[in-house]
Protein backbone atom coordinates (compact mmCIF):
# COMPACT_ATOMS: atom_id res chain seq x y z
CA MET A 1 119.42 79.22 117.34
CA ALA A 2 120.42 81.46 120.22
CA ILE A 3 118.53 84.71 120.53
CA SER A 4 120.40 87.92 121.29
CA ASP A 5 119.28 91.58 121.11
CA GLY A 6 116.12 90.66 119.23
CA SER A 7 117.98 88.67 116.60
CA ASP A 8 119.38 85.28 115.66
CA ARG A 9 122.88 85.02 114.22
CA GLU A 10 124.09 82.10 112.19
CA ASN A 11 127.01 81.30 109.93
CA GLY A 12 126.26 82.50 106.41
CA GLU A 13 127.39 79.11 105.07
CA ASN A 14 124.30 77.47 106.55
CA SER A 15 121.84 79.28 104.31
CA ILE A 16 123.73 80.95 101.45
CA ALA A 17 126.88 79.95 99.63
CA PRO A 18 129.79 81.93 101.10
CA ALA A 19 131.01 83.07 97.68
CA LEU A 20 128.48 83.84 94.95
CA GLN A 21 130.44 83.85 91.70
CA THR A 22 129.22 86.15 88.94
CA GLU A 23 130.73 87.62 85.82
CA GLY A 24 133.55 89.95 86.87
CA ALA A 25 132.78 89.82 90.57
CA ALA A 26 132.45 87.58 93.60
CA VAL A 27 130.07 88.54 96.38
CA GLU A 28 131.13 86.90 99.63
CA VAL A 29 128.60 86.45 102.41
CA MET A 30 130.26 86.96 105.79
CA ASP A 31 127.33 86.71 108.19
CA THR A 32 123.59 86.10 108.28
CA ILE A 33 121.33 87.35 111.06
CA MET A 34 117.66 86.58 111.70
CA VAL A 35 116.22 89.73 113.25
CA ARG A 36 113.10 89.28 115.37
CA PRO A 37 110.77 91.95 116.76
CA LYS A 38 112.18 93.82 119.74
CA LYS A 39 109.32 92.49 121.81
CA PRO A 40 106.88 89.63 121.15
CA THR A 41 103.78 90.36 119.08
CA SER A 42 100.44 88.60 119.02
CA ARG A 43 100.55 85.35 117.07
CA HIS A 44 97.68 84.73 114.66
CA LEU A 45 96.91 83.85 111.05
CA MET A 46 96.34 86.94 108.89
CA TYR A 47 93.90 86.93 105.97
CA MET A 48 95.43 87.62 102.53
CA SER A 49 93.30 89.26 99.86
CA GLY A 50 92.63 87.97 96.38
CA VAL A 51 95.25 90.37 95.02
CA ASP A 52 97.77 89.04 97.57
CA GLN A 53 96.96 85.52 96.35
CA ILE A 54 97.47 86.44 92.69
CA LEU A 55 100.75 88.25 93.36
CA ALA A 56 102.08 85.21 95.21
CA ALA A 57 102.94 84.00 91.71
CA ALA A 58 105.10 87.08 91.08
CA TRP A 59 108.78 87.55 91.81
CA PRO A 60 109.65 89.25 95.10
CA ASN A 61 110.09 93.04 95.07
CA ARG A 62 113.89 93.50 94.98
CA THR A 63 115.74 96.81 95.09
CA ILE A 64 119.36 97.94 95.50
CA LEU A 65 120.42 101.28 97.00
CA PHE A 66 123.99 102.44 96.24
CA TYR A 67 126.04 104.56 98.69
CA ARG A 68 129.49 106.01 98.04
CA GLY A 69 131.98 107.00 100.74
CA GLN A 70 133.96 105.54 103.60
CA ILE A 71 131.16 103.69 105.38
CA ASP A 72 131.77 101.05 108.04
CA SER A 73 129.60 98.15 106.87
CA THR A 74 129.89 96.37 110.23
CA ALA A 75 128.49 99.40 112.04
CA VAL A 76 125.77 99.68 109.39
CA VAL A 77 124.69 96.07 109.95
CA LYS A 78 124.52 96.60 113.71
CA ARG A 79 122.54 99.79 113.25
CA LEU A 80 120.09 98.13 110.89
CA GLU A 81 119.72 95.15 113.20
CA HIS A 82 118.42 97.35 116.02
CA ALA A 83 116.27 99.48 113.69
CA ILE A 84 114.62 96.47 112.04
CA ALA A 85 113.94 94.84 115.42
CA SER A 86 112.17 97.99 116.58
CA VAL A 87 110.17 98.48 113.37
CA LEU A 88 108.98 94.86 113.36
CA VAL A 89 106.93 95.56 116.45
CA SER A 90 104.64 97.69 114.23
CA TYR A 91 105.27 95.81 110.99
CA TYR A 92 104.94 92.42 112.70
CA PRO A 93 103.53 90.48 109.67
CA MET A 94 106.90 91.00 107.98
CA ALA A 95 108.48 88.86 110.70
CA GLY A 96 106.07 86.02 109.94
CA ARG A 97 105.95 83.25 107.35
CA LEU A 98 103.48 82.20 104.71
CA ALA A 99 101.24 79.24 105.51
CA ARG A 100 98.09 77.58 104.17
CA ASP A 101 94.72 77.51 105.92
CA GLU A 102 92.37 74.52 105.93
CA ASN A 103 91.18 75.47 102.42
CA GLY A 104 94.70 75.66 101.01
CA ARG A 105 94.58 79.45 100.84
CA LEU A 106 97.67 81.52 101.64
CA VAL A 107 97.75 83.31 105.00
CA VAL A 108 100.45 85.10 106.95
CA ASP A 109 101.43 83.18 110.07
CA CYS A 110 102.39 86.07 112.36
CA ASN A 111 104.91 84.08 114.37
CA ASP A 112 107.83 86.49 114.94
CA GLU A 113 110.32 84.20 113.18
CA GLY A 114 112.09 87.26 111.84
CA VAL A 115 113.57 89.14 108.92
CA GLN A 116 116.90 88.11 107.41
CA LEU A 117 119.86 90.50 107.49
CA ILE A 118 122.96 89.57 105.50
CA HIS A 119 126.46 91.07 105.67
CA ALA A 120 128.53 90.59 102.51
CA ARG A 121 131.46 92.11 100.66
CA CYS A 122 132.47 92.66 97.04
CA ASP A 123 135.90 93.69 95.78
CA LEU A 124 134.57 96.34 93.39
CA SER A 125 134.23 100.13 93.42
CA ILE A 126 131.02 102.14 93.78
CA THR A 127 132.79 104.99 91.97
CA ASP A 128 133.32 102.74 88.94
CA LEU A 129 129.64 101.77 88.95
CA GLN A 130 128.68 105.44 89.23
CA GLY A 131 130.88 106.25 86.25
CA LYS A 132 128.79 103.79 84.23
CA GLY A 133 125.54 105.38 85.39
CA PHE A 134 124.88 102.40 87.67
CA ALA A 135 124.07 100.37 84.58
CA ILE A 136 122.68 96.95 85.47
CA GLN A 137 125.50 94.41 85.91
CA PRO A 138 125.26 90.59 86.21
CA HIS A 139 126.51 90.69 89.80
CA PHE A 140 123.68 93.02 90.86
CA ARG A 141 121.51 89.93 91.31
CA GLN A 142 123.80 88.89 94.15
CA LEU A 143 123.55 92.24 95.95
CA VAL A 144 119.98 91.62 97.09
CA PRO A 145 118.48 88.44 98.61
CA MET A 146 115.75 86.16 97.24
CA ASP A 147 117.44 85.69 93.87
CA HIS A 148 116.60 81.98 94.07
CA LEU A 149 112.84 82.67 94.18
CA GLN A 150 110.65 82.96 91.08
CA SER A 151 107.47 83.38 93.13
CA SER A 152 106.37 84.85 96.45
CA ASP A 153 104.57 81.84 97.93
CA SER A 154 107.38 80.05 99.76
CA SER A 155 106.61 78.94 103.31
CA ASP A 156 110.30 78.31 104.04
CA ASP A 157 111.72 81.77 103.37
CA PRO A 158 111.51 85.03 105.32
CA LEU A 159 109.04 87.55 103.94
CA ALA A 160 111.67 90.30 103.93
CA CYS A 161 115.46 90.30 103.66
CA PHE A 162 118.13 93.01 103.84
CA GLN A 163 121.69 92.69 102.54
CA VAL A 164 124.54 95.10 103.28
CA THR A 165 127.44 94.60 100.87
CA ALA A 166 130.75 96.36 101.52
CA PHE A 167 132.56 97.75 98.45
CA LYS A 168 135.99 99.38 98.29
CA ASP A 169 134.51 102.85 98.59
CA GLY A 170 130.96 102.43 99.80
CA ILE A 171 128.17 99.97 100.36
CA THR A 172 124.97 98.73 98.78
CA LEU A 173 121.77 97.90 100.61
CA GLY A 174 119.64 95.30 98.92
CA VAL A 175 116.04 94.91 100.09
CA ALA A 176 113.76 92.04 99.09
CA VAL A 177 110.11 91.61 100.07
CA ALA A 178 107.71 88.85 99.03
CA HIS A 179 105.20 90.41 96.63
CA SER A 180 102.39 88.39 98.20
CA VAL A 181 102.60 90.51 101.37
CA ALA A 182 103.42 94.00 100.03
CA ASP A 183 103.11 96.10 96.90
CA GLY A 184 105.57 98.86 96.00
CA ALA A 185 103.96 101.47 98.25
CA ALA A 186 103.91 99.11 101.24
CA THR A 187 107.48 97.96 100.60
CA TRP A 188 108.78 101.53 100.54
CA SER A 189 106.79 102.47 103.64
CA PHE A 190 108.55 99.59 105.40
CA ILE A 191 111.95 100.71 104.12
CA LYS A 192 111.23 104.29 105.19
CA ALA A 193 110.16 103.13 108.66
CA VAL A 194 113.50 101.35 109.08
CA SER A 195 115.44 104.38 107.83
CA GLN A 196 113.57 106.76 110.16
CA THR A 197 114.16 104.48 113.13
CA SER A 198 117.81 104.12 112.14
CA ARG A 199 118.12 107.93 112.28
CA GLY A 200 116.38 108.08 115.65
CA GLN A 201 113.22 109.66 114.24
CA PRO A 202 109.58 108.67 114.89
CA LEU A 203 107.65 106.90 112.14
CA SER A 204 105.82 109.32 109.84
CA ILE A 205 103.26 106.63 108.95
CA TYR A 206 102.19 103.65 111.01
CA PRO A 207 101.00 100.58 109.11
CA LEU A 208 97.35 99.61 108.98
CA HIS A 209 97.09 95.82 109.00
CA ALA A 210 93.56 95.48 107.71
CA ARG A 211 93.73 93.32 104.60
CA TYR A 212 90.16 92.21 105.35
CA LEU A 213 89.02 95.60 104.00
CA LEU A 214 89.65 94.13 100.54
CA LYS A 215 87.52 91.06 101.29
CA PRO A 216 84.28 91.11 99.25
CA SER A 217 82.14 89.84 102.13
CA VAL A 218 83.31 92.88 104.13
CA PHE A 219 82.85 95.69 101.59
CA MET A 220 79.93 94.39 99.49
CA PRO A 221 77.16 95.12 102.04
CA HIS A 222 78.25 98.76 102.04
CA THR A 223 78.85 99.15 98.29
CA VAL A 224 76.39 100.45 95.71
CA PHE A 225 77.65 99.43 92.28
CA LEU A 226 76.98 101.95 89.57
CA SER A 227 75.49 99.37 87.24
CA PRO A 228 74.83 95.64 87.50
CA ASP A 229 76.19 95.38 83.98
CA ALA A 230 79.30 97.44 84.68
CA LYS A 231 81.60 94.50 84.08
CA GLU A 232 80.24 93.90 80.58
CA GLU A 233 80.24 97.62 79.85
CA MET A 234 83.90 97.83 80.80
CA LYS A 235 84.74 94.93 78.49
CA ALA A 236 83.02 96.69 75.59
CA ALA A 237 84.60 100.07 76.31
CA LYS A 238 87.30 101.34 73.97
CA GLY A 239 89.52 102.00 76.96
CA ALA A 240 90.87 99.43 79.39
CA PRO A 241 88.83 96.22 79.59
CA TYR A 242 87.89 94.91 83.00
CA ASN A 243 90.83 92.91 84.29
CA GLY A 244 91.39 92.97 88.03
CA CYS A 245 95.07 92.14 88.05
CA GLU A 246 97.79 91.16 85.67
CA GLU A 247 97.95 87.44 85.02
CA PRO A 248 100.95 85.75 86.63
CA ILE A 249 103.74 85.09 84.17
CA ARG A 250 106.69 82.93 85.13
CA VAL A 251 109.89 83.10 83.13
CA SER A 252 112.92 80.92 83.68
CA ASN A 253 115.95 82.84 84.93
CA ALA A 254 117.92 81.14 82.17
CA ASN A 255 116.18 83.49 79.71
CA LEU A 256 117.98 86.41 81.31
CA GLU A 257 121.14 85.44 79.42
CA VAL A 258 119.64 86.71 76.14
CA LEU A 259 118.23 89.94 77.55
CA GLN A 260 120.04 93.26 77.47
CA GLN A 261 119.55 95.19 80.73
CA ARG A 262 119.51 98.92 80.02
CA VAL A 263 119.21 102.11 82.10
CA ILE A 264 117.99 105.27 80.36
CA HIS A 265 118.00 108.67 82.04
CA PHE A 266 115.22 111.10 81.16
CA SER A 267 116.06 114.61 82.35
CA ARG A 268 113.45 117.15 83.39
CA GLU A 269 113.98 118.93 80.06
CA MET A 270 113.37 115.73 78.08
CA LEU A 271 110.18 115.02 80.04
CA ASP A 272 108.94 118.57 79.51
CA ILE A 273 109.44 118.18 75.74
CA LEU A 274 107.53 114.88 75.74
CA LYS A 275 104.64 116.43 77.67
CA LYS A 276 104.53 119.40 75.29
CA GLU A 277 104.56 117.06 72.27
CA CYS A 278 101.67 115.08 73.73
CA LEU A 279 99.60 118.23 74.31
CA ASN A 280 100.34 119.49 70.79
CA THR A 281 99.34 116.22 69.09
CA ILE A 282 96.15 115.28 70.92
CA SER A 283 93.20 115.09 68.56
CA ASN A 284 90.38 117.38 69.71
CA ALA A 285 92.48 118.76 72.55
CA LYS A 286 90.57 120.86 75.07
CA PRO A 287 91.74 123.94 76.99
CA GLY A 288 93.24 122.91 80.28
CA ASP A 289 94.26 119.43 79.08
CA PHE A 290 96.99 118.08 81.35
CA VAL A 291 99.62 115.44 80.67
CA SER A 292 101.72 113.99 83.49
CA SER A 293 105.35 112.97 83.13
CA PHE A 294 104.31 109.37 83.72
CA GLN A 295 101.68 109.42 80.96
CA ALA A 296 104.00 111.10 78.44
CA LEU A 297 106.96 108.86 79.22
CA GLY A 298 104.79 105.74 79.25
CA ALA A 299 103.36 106.59 75.84
CA TYR A 300 106.83 107.28 74.45
CA LEU A 301 108.36 104.05 75.76
CA TRP A 302 105.40 101.96 74.63
CA LYS A 303 105.50 103.40 71.13
CA ARG A 304 109.27 103.16 70.76
CA LEU A 305 109.41 99.60 72.07
CA VAL A 306 106.71 98.36 69.70
CA MET A 307 108.48 100.08 66.80
CA ALA A 308 111.70 98.30 67.80
CA GLN A 309 110.02 94.89 67.90
CA ASN A 310 108.96 95.02 64.22
CA LEU A 311 105.59 93.40 64.93
CA ASP A 312 102.84 92.68 62.42
CA GLU A 313 100.21 95.43 62.30
CA GLU A 314 97.49 93.17 63.72
CA THR A 315 99.56 91.98 66.68
CA GLY A 316 97.95 92.88 69.98
CA VAL A 317 100.10 95.07 72.20
CA ASP A 318 99.02 95.86 75.74
CA PHE A 319 100.40 98.54 78.02
CA ARG A 320 99.89 97.52 81.65
CA VAL A 321 100.30 99.41 84.89
CA ALA A 322 99.79 98.19 88.44
CA MET A 323 97.89 101.09 89.99
CA ASP A 324 97.82 101.95 93.68
CA VAL A 325 94.11 102.20 94.55
CA ARG A 326 94.37 103.33 98.18
CA ASN A 327 92.93 106.76 97.36
CA ARG A 328 90.51 105.59 94.68
CA MET A 329 88.30 103.39 96.85
CA ILE A 330 85.19 104.62 98.67
CA PRO A 331 85.88 105.08 101.49
CA PRO A 332 89.59 105.52 100.73
CA LEU A 333 92.19 103.36 102.42
CA THR A 334 94.73 105.19 104.54
CA PRO A 335 98.23 105.70 103.08
CA GLY A 336 99.43 103.28 105.75
CA PHE A 337 97.37 100.35 104.43
CA PHE A 338 99.88 97.51 104.40
CA GLY A 339 99.46 94.84 101.76
CA ASN A 340 98.75 94.76 98.04
CA ALA A 341 96.31 97.54 97.19
CA VAL A 342 96.91 97.46 93.44
CA VAL A 343 94.79 96.79 90.39
CA GLY A 344 96.20 95.92 86.99
CA VAL A 345 95.20 98.50 84.37
CA PRO A 346 95.69 97.35 80.76
CA THR A 347 95.56 99.65 77.75
CA PRO A 348 94.96 97.54 74.62
CA SER A 349 96.07 98.37 71.11
CA THR A 350 97.44 96.78 67.98
CA ALA A 351 100.95 97.42 66.74
CA GLY A 352 99.60 99.15 63.64
CA GLU A 353 97.40 101.55 65.61
CA LEU A 354 100.16 102.39 68.05
CA VAL A 355 102.86 103.06 65.46
CA THR A 356 100.67 105.28 63.26
CA GLU A 357 98.86 107.38 65.86
CA SER A 358 100.35 110.54 67.39
CA LEU A 359 102.17 110.48 70.70
CA GLY A 360 99.41 112.65 72.16
CA ASN A 361 96.69 110.17 71.17
CA THR A 362 98.70 107.30 72.66
CA CYS A 363 98.94 109.33 75.86
CA VAL A 364 95.16 109.89 75.84
CA ARG A 365 94.64 106.16 75.37
CA ILE A 366 96.65 105.47 78.55
CA ARG A 367 94.92 108.25 80.47
CA ARG A 368 91.45 106.95 79.60
CA SER A 369 92.36 103.52 80.94
CA ILE A 370 93.68 104.98 84.17
CA ASN A 371 90.63 107.23 84.62
CA GLN A 372 88.31 104.20 84.47
CA VAL A 373 89.76 102.90 87.72
CA ASP A 374 87.07 104.05 90.12
CA ASP A 375 85.52 102.41 93.18
CA ASP A 376 83.21 100.29 91.03
CA TYR A 377 86.09 99.00 88.87
CA ILE A 378 88.28 98.25 91.88
CA LYS A 379 85.69 96.33 93.88
CA ARG A 380 84.60 94.26 90.91
CA ALA A 381 88.26 93.42 90.39
CA LEU A 382 88.57 92.36 94.03
CA ILE A 383 85.46 90.18 93.74
CA ASP A 384 86.86 88.59 90.59
CA ARG A 385 90.18 87.81 92.25
CA GLU A 386 88.93 86.61 95.64
CA ASN A 387 88.51 82.95 94.71
CA LYS A 388 90.39 82.86 91.42
CA ASP A 389 92.01 79.52 90.63
CA LEU A 390 95.49 80.38 89.36
CA ARG A 391 95.56 77.17 87.35
CA LYS A 392 92.61 78.39 85.26
CA ILE A 393 93.95 81.85 84.41
CA ALA A 394 94.80 81.94 80.73
CA LEU A 395 97.99 83.82 79.99
CA SER A 396 97.54 86.62 77.48
CA LYS A 397 98.90 85.92 73.99
CA VAL A 398 99.42 89.59 73.19
CA GLN A 399 102.70 91.44 73.52
CA VAL A 400 102.73 93.19 76.88
CA VAL A 401 104.67 96.21 78.08
CA THR A 402 104.53 96.20 81.88
CA LEU A 403 105.40 99.46 83.62
CA ARG A 404 106.19 99.56 87.35
CA ASN A 405 106.02 103.17 88.43
CA GLY A 406 108.28 103.86 91.40
CA THR A 407 108.58 107.60 90.77
CA GLY A 408 106.27 108.49 93.66
CA PHE A 409 108.05 106.54 96.39
CA HIS A 410 110.58 109.25 97.46
CA VAL A 411 113.29 106.61 97.35
CA TYR A 412 116.20 108.96 98.17
CA GLU A 413 114.56 110.29 101.31
CA ALA A 414 113.46 106.79 102.34
CA GLY A 415 116.95 105.50 101.61
CA ASP A 416 118.68 107.78 104.12
CA PHE A 417 119.46 105.51 107.08
CA GLY A 418 121.91 107.91 108.68
CA TRP A 419 124.89 107.65 106.35
CA GLY A 420 123.42 109.87 103.60
CA GLN A 421 121.08 109.43 100.68
CA PRO A 422 121.84 106.81 98.04
CA GLU A 423 123.54 107.76 94.79
CA ALA A 424 121.11 105.62 92.81
CA VAL A 425 118.32 103.08 93.19
CA ARG A 426 118.04 100.10 90.87
CA PRO A 427 116.27 96.76 90.53
CA PRO A 428 118.82 93.95 90.21
CA VAL A 429 117.34 92.73 86.92
CA GLU A 430 114.29 92.89 84.68
CA TYR A 431 113.01 89.41 83.94
CA ARG A 432 111.43 89.67 80.49
CA GLU A 433 111.40 91.89 77.42
CA GLY A 434 109.13 94.85 77.80
CA GLU A 435 109.34 94.83 81.58
CA ILE A 436 110.09 98.40 82.68
CA THR A 437 110.76 99.99 86.07
CA LEU A 438 110.69 103.75 86.66
CA TYR A 439 112.58 105.32 89.58
CA PRO A 440 113.25 108.97 90.34
CA GLY A 441 116.59 110.15 89.05
CA LYS A 442 119.07 111.83 91.35
CA GLU A 443 118.49 115.07 89.44
CA ALA A 444 115.26 116.84 90.49
CA LYS A 445 112.18 115.80 88.46
CA SER A 446 114.17 113.37 86.31
CA ILE A 447 113.36 109.69 85.83
CA ASP A 448 115.59 106.64 85.43
CA VAL A 449 114.11 103.95 83.19
CA ILE A 450 115.28 100.36 83.58
CA VAL A 451 114.23 98.05 80.76
CA ALA A 452 115.05 94.53 79.52
CA LEU A 453 115.37 94.02 75.75
CA SER A 454 116.35 91.19 73.46
CA GLU A 455 119.50 91.77 71.44
CA ALA A 456 117.60 92.54 68.22
CA THR A 457 115.06 94.79 69.94
CA CYS A 458 117.81 96.58 71.84
CA LYS A 459 119.66 97.42 68.64
CA ASN A 460 116.50 98.83 67.08
CA PHE A 461 115.34 100.60 70.23
CA PHE A 462 118.49 102.74 70.41
CA SER A 463 118.68 103.36 66.67
CA GLU A 464 118.40 107.02 65.73
CA ASN A 465 116.17 106.04 62.78
CA ILE A 466 113.61 103.88 64.62
CA TYR A 467 111.27 106.74 65.52
CA PRO A 468 110.64 109.30 62.74
CA ASN A 469 110.15 112.82 64.11
CA ASP A 470 111.15 111.73 67.59
CA PRO A 471 110.40 114.76 69.80
CA ILE A 472 113.58 114.20 71.85
CA GLN A 473 115.85 113.30 68.92
CA ASN A 474 118.29 115.99 70.06
CA PHE A 475 118.72 114.09 73.33
CA PRO A 476 120.21 110.71 72.41
CA LEU A 477 119.04 108.06 74.87
CA HIS A 478 121.90 107.54 77.28
CA LEU A 479 122.88 106.40 80.72
CA PRO A 480 122.78 108.89 83.64
CA GLU A 481 125.85 111.11 83.84
């Protein structure tokens, strides 16, 4: 490939089919560019933590940003090409590829091979999508790269890809990042760095490439564990059992055909009502008790989903959150720590317990699990995951609601590359029932919920009769206006 202006350009037909046919739409790839760092970086093999290794079994992080207006997609691609090339000097691992060391362990080969940038077009209208509340459509999967990957351990693919798709009256920007190299916070810091550079601004945060800080042999000599039996104590606790990270679960994409992809908008008023209901229904509530929007909404969605699934009372139902632990470690990691600094936090229950208890007590159950995530919990999780054999991890047999909380990522600010903030931010698809993504809504302090449901569960979930005494029954669940 010839190199020009820090990038490689090749015919889109060489790597991606020129026309990706989907229901009601055809996304046509016009060009594919491999963008390399503006100047060479130091080549080496970068250590990947135990959490990185576990999340190599997960799907890539994939997000679509929607922009409406007369926007020249060709100029956008050129602008992004230069911005990405500049940012990759600081975020140089993103320009590398995954490899295996002599022990078969994943590492990042920092080799400057580049990030993929795709230019495509679609003969549809952003205005029409906006009128439907940017509800998830089948063709959304073709608006962001890496749709062919069901894991994040490929040595043949770029670690990050951008796709600009021209619509009749706007564009979309799809961003995909291998989960093995970045969690949500790291992914959005990378996106924000590109947007700031695209606007001619300096980076507000520079990345810290120090994954070795999560290596047990590095932190253990300086760590005093609270109790040598802490692991067993956590297992016996009523709150979240010790479980360093969610087990990898692979689901065939063919299963997506039977899932209903739904977007639900929770306004600030709806969230305030849920928080008030939680505070009013907590057993033995104390003065000064606080409930966050995330806790209240999580409790509500968990309860409503389990009600909709009509499960036996004894069926185990877990609520799981991947928690950013950058500020919970001692000493804390900087906000710029680049990698996967997350720990899976499960809240166990049975269907019978969850359905019969108050919303406030469900909220307290979630809060207790989250509050257990201290330095001791985190470092024991890291030790547990460091040399975990993925083949020996038993998949949980309980029903799991997995919540990915993107409400703190300031996605509209990060999504301003110089042609305005996006109208909406969406994942292209949720892969299994009970998989939920939260993003900030366009309206201040609102939240958009994206959830995948089977046909039967979906019908029950949106039934007005599924949740007796629903605190927000006067606000029928609906798509964003």
